[in-house]
């Protein structure tokens, strides 16, 4: 499987969607809290982790 931009974006969105659905399904916190605070935080963290992972992979590939 080749990870190009569309595949990577779809994987990130799928992971966040599964996490959001799990939190809403468990009833651990209010749905509005999950959708307005937790989901955007998961997306931002996922993008930061993805960026750092790509940069680390580039570094490892050139050494």
Protein backbone atom coordinates (compact mmCIF):
# COMPACT_ATOMS: atom_id res chain seq x y z
CA UNK A 1 0.00 0.00 0.00
CA UNK A 2 1.39 3.37 -0.99
CA UNK A 3 0.66 6.22 1.38
CA UNK A 4 -0.01 9.24 -0.77
CA UNK A 5 -1.92 12.33 0.39
CA UNK A 6 -5.49 11.06 -0.19
CA UNK A 7 -4.84 7.70 1.51
CA UNK A 8 -3.11 9.35 4.45
CA UNK A 9 -5.86 11.95 4.88
CA UNK A 10 -8.54 9.25 4.72
CA UNK A 11 -6.72 7.18 7.37
CA UNK A 12 -6.43 10.20 9.68
CA UNK A 13 -10.09 11.12 9.26
CA UNK A 14 -11.14 7.49 9.81
CA UNK A 15 -9.16 7.25 13.06
CA UNK A 16 -10.66 10.50 14.35
CA UNK A 17 -14.17 9.42 13.29
CA UNK A 18 -13.82 6.09 15.10
CA UNK A 19 -12.59 7.87 18.24
CA UNK A 20 -15.41 10.40 18.08
CA UNK A 21 -18.04 7.70 17.56
CA UNK A 22 -16.61 5.72 20.47
CA UNK A 23 -16.73 8.67 22.82
CA UNK A 24 -20.27 9.56 21.79
CA UNK A 25 -21.38 5.93 22.03
CA UNK A 26 -19.91 5.44 25.50
CA UNK A 27 -21.63 8.51 26.83
CA UNK A 28 -18.48 9.45 28.72
CA UNK A 29 -19.15 13.15 28.18
CA UNK A 30 -21.72 15.37 26.53
CA UNK A 31 -21.99 15.08 22.75
CA UNK A 32 -21.53 18.82 22.32
CA UNK A 33 -18.27 18.66 24.29
CA UNK A 34 -16.99 15.81 22.13
CA UNK A 35 -17.88 17.53 18.86
CA UNK A 36 -16.77 21.04 19.79
CA UNK A 37 -13.64 20.35 21.84
CA UNK A 38 -12.36 16.78 21.61
CA UNK A 39 -12.72 16.09 17.89
CA UNK A 40 -10.90 19.27 16.76
CA UNK A 41 -8.16 18.52 19.30
CA UNK A 42 -7.77 14.99 17.92
CA UNK A 43 -7.48 16.38 14.38
CA UNK A 44 -4.86 18.96 15.36
CA UNK A 45 -2.83 16.42 17.33
CA UNK A 46 -3.07 13.94 14.45
CA UNK A 47 -1.81 16.52 11.97
CA UNK A 48 1.10 17.50 14.22
CA UNK A 49 2.03 13.84 14.78
CA UNK A 50 1.74 13.15 11.04
CA UNK A 51 3.98 16.11 10.19
CA UNK A 52 6.61 15.07 12.73
CA UNK A 53 6.45 11.46 11.53
CA UNK A 54 6.95 12.45 7.92
CA UNK A 55 9.88 14.71 8.79
CA UNK A 56 11.46 11.98 10.90
CA UNK A 57 11.00 9.50 8.04
CA UNK A 58 12.68 11.93 5.65
CA UNK A 59 15.55 12.34 8.09
CA UNK A 60 15.97 8.57 8.50
CA UNK A 61 15.83 8.02 4.73
CA UNK A 62 18.69 10.43 4.10
CA UNK A 63 21.03 9.11 6.81
